[in-house]
Amino acid sequence: MPGLHILGVHIPINACSACVEKGYEFFAKAPAGKYDRIFLMDRPKDQYHIK
């Protein structure tokens, strides 16, 4: 029996502004129908988002 399908995007603590932007872009554009859950961990801002 297959498990859940997730996408996890992690923005490292010392990420440059371009990498932070790319992380949010991946999160925003991730197809919700393809994954059961989509996670974004923004370490510089100490924030965790789920969609």
N, C-alpha and C. Protein backbone atom coordinates (compact mmCIF):
# COMPACT_ATOMS: atom_id res chain seq x y z
N MET A 1 0.85 -1.18 0.00
CA MET A 1 0.00 0.00 0.00
C MET A 1 0.89 1.25 0.00
N PRO A 2 0.76 2.10 -1.00
CA PRO A 2 1.60 3.30 -1.05
C PRO A 2 1.21 4.31 0.03
N GLY A 3 2.19 5.07 0.46
CA GLY A 3 1.95 6.10 1.47
C GLY A 3 1.51 7.41 0.82
N LEU A 4 1.52 8.44 1.61
CA LEU A 4 1.15 9.77 1.13
C LEU A 4 2.28 10.36 0.30
N HIS A 5 1.92 11.21 -0.62
CA HIS A 5 2.91 11.91 -1.45
C HIS A 5 3.00 13.35 -0.97
N ILE A 6 4.20 13.77 -0.62
CA ILE A 6 4.40 15.13 -0.13
C ILE A 6 5.50 15.81 -0.93
N LEU A 7 5.48 17.13 -0.88
CA LEU A 7 6.59 17.93 -1.41
C LEU A 7 7.05 18.81 -0.27
N GLY A 8 8.32 18.76 0.03
CA GLY A 8 8.89 19.58 1.08
C GLY A 8 9.91 20.55 0.50
N VAL A 9 9.70 21.83 0.76
CA VAL A 9 10.63 22.87 0.32
C VAL A 9 11.28 23.46 1.57
N HIS A 10 12.60 23.44 1.60
CA HIS A 10 13.34 23.92 2.77
C HIS A 10 14.22 25.08 2.34
N ILE A 11 14.06 26.21 3.01
CA ILE A 11 14.91 27.37 2.77
C ILE A 11 15.91 27.43 3.92
N PRO A 12 17.20 27.20 3.65
CA PRO A 12 18.21 27.16 4.71
C PRO A 12 18.37 28.49 5.45
N ILE A 13 18.90 28.42 6.63
CA ILE A 13 19.05 29.57 7.51
C ILE A 13 19.87 30.70 6.87
N ASN A 14 20.89 30.36 6.09
CA ASN A 14 21.76 31.37 5.47
C ASN A 14 21.49 31.54 3.98
N ALA A 15 20.26 31.28 3.55
CA ALA A 15 19.92 31.36 2.13
C ALA A 15 20.01 32.80 1.62
N CYS A 16 20.48 32.94 0.39
CA CYS A 16 20.51 34.26 -0.24
C CYS A 16 19.09 34.64 -0.66
N SER A 17 18.88 35.89 -1.00
CA SER A 17 17.54 36.36 -1.34
C SER A 17 16.98 35.65 -2.58
N ALA A 18 17.85 35.32 -3.54
CA ALA A 18 17.40 34.62 -4.74
C ALA A 18 16.91 33.21 -4.39
N CYS A 19 17.58 32.55 -3.46
CA CYS A 19 17.17 31.20 -3.05
C CYS A 19 15.87 31.23 -2.26
N VAL A 20 15.71 32.25 -1.43
CA VAL A 20 14.44 32.40 -0.69
C VAL A 20 13.30 32.60 -1.68
N GLU A 21 13.52 33.46 -2.65
CA GLU A 21 12.49 33.71 -3.67
C GLU A 21 12.16 32.44 -4.44
N LYS A 22 13.17 31.67 -4.81
CA LYS A 22 12.96 30.42 -5.55
C LYS A 22 12.19 29.41 -4.70
N GLY A 23 12.49 29.34 -3.41
CA GLY A 23 11.77 28.44 -2.53
C GLY A 23 10.28 28.76 -2.47
N TYR A 24 9.95 30.04 -2.32
CA TYR A 24 8.54 30.45 -2.30
C TYR A 24 7.88 30.21 -3.66
N GLU A 25 8.65 30.37 -4.73
CA GLU A 25 8.12 30.11 -6.07
C GLU A 25 7.78 28.62 -6.23
N PHE A 26 8.68 27.73 -5.81
CA PHE A 26 8.41 26.29 -5.86
C PHE A 26 7.14 25.96 -5.07
N PHE A 27 7.03 26.52 -3.88
CA PHE A 27 5.87 26.27 -3.02
C PHE A 27 4.59 26.76 -3.69
N ALA A 28 4.60 27.97 -4.23
CA ALA A 28 3.40 28.55 -4.84
C ALA A 28 2.96 27.80 -6.09
N LYS A 29 3.93 27.32 -6.87
CA LYS A 29 3.61 26.68 -8.15
C LYS A 29 3.41 25.16 -8.04
N ALA A 30 3.63 24.59 -6.89
CA ALA A 30 3.49 23.14 -6.74
C ALA A 30 2.04 22.73 -7.00
N PRO A 31 1.83 21.74 -7.85
CA PRO A 31 0.47 21.31 -8.17
C PRO A 31 -0.17 20.54 -7.00
N ALA A 32 -1.17 21.15 -6.40
CA ALA A 32 -1.82 20.55 -5.22
C ALA A 32 -2.42 19.19 -5.52
N GLY A 33 -2.90 18.96 -6.73
CA GLY A 33 -3.49 17.67 -7.08
C GLY A 33 -2.49 16.53 -7.17
N LYS A 34 -1.23 16.86 -7.27
CA LYS A 34 -0.17 15.85 -7.39
C LYS A 34 0.33 15.36 -6.03
N TYR A 35 0.12 16.17 -4.99
CA TYR A 35 0.64 15.85 -3.65
C TYR A 35 -0.50 15.88 -2.62
N ASP A 36 -0.35 15.05 -1.60
CA ASP A 36 -1.31 15.07 -0.50
C ASP A 36 -1.08 16.29 0.39
N ARG A 37 0.15 16.68 0.56
CA ARG A 37 0.50 17.87 1.34
C ARG A 37 1.76 18.50 0.73
N ILE A 38 1.82 19.83 0.83
CA ILE A 38 2.98 20.58 0.38
C ILE A 38 3.46 21.44 1.55
N PHE A 39 4.73 21.32 1.88
CA PHE A 39 5.29 22.01 3.04
C PHE A 39 6.38 22.97 2.60
N LEU A 40 6.45 24.09 3.29
CA LEU A 40 7.55 25.04 3.11
C LEU A 40 8.10 25.39 4.49
N MET A 41 9.39 25.17 4.67
CA MET A 41 10.06 25.55 5.91
C MET A 41 11.00 26.70 5.59
N ASP A 42 10.67 27.88 6.10
CA ASP A 42 11.47 29.07 5.90
C ASP A 42 12.28 29.29 7.18
N ARG A 43 13.51 28.80 7.19
CA ARG A 43 14.35 28.89 8.39
C ARG A 43 14.73 30.33 8.74
N PRO A 44 15.09 31.19 7.75
CA PRO A 44 15.45 32.57 8.12
C PRO A 44 14.33 33.32 8.85
N LYS A 45 13.08 33.07 8.45
CA LYS A 45 11.94 33.74 9.08
C LYS A 45 11.33 32.91 10.21
N ASP A 46 11.84 31.69 10.39
CA ASP A 46 11.29 30.76 11.39
C ASP A 46 9.79 30.56 11.17
N GLN A 47 9.42 30.26 9.91
CA GLN A 47 8.02 30.03 9.54
C GLN A 47 7.87 28.68 8.85
N TYR A 48 6.68 28.10 9.01
CA TYR A 48 6.35 26.80 8.45
C TYR A 48 4.99 26.92 7.80
N HIS A 49 4.90 26.60 6.51
CA HIS A 49 3.64 26.74 5.77
C HIS A 49 3.21 25.37 5.22
N ILE A 50 1.91 25.15 5.20
CA ILE A 50 1.35 23.90 4.65
C ILE A 50 0.20 24.26 3.73
N LYS A 51 0.17 23.57 2.58
CA LYS A 51 -1.03 23.69 1.72
C LYS A 51 -1.40 22.34 1.19
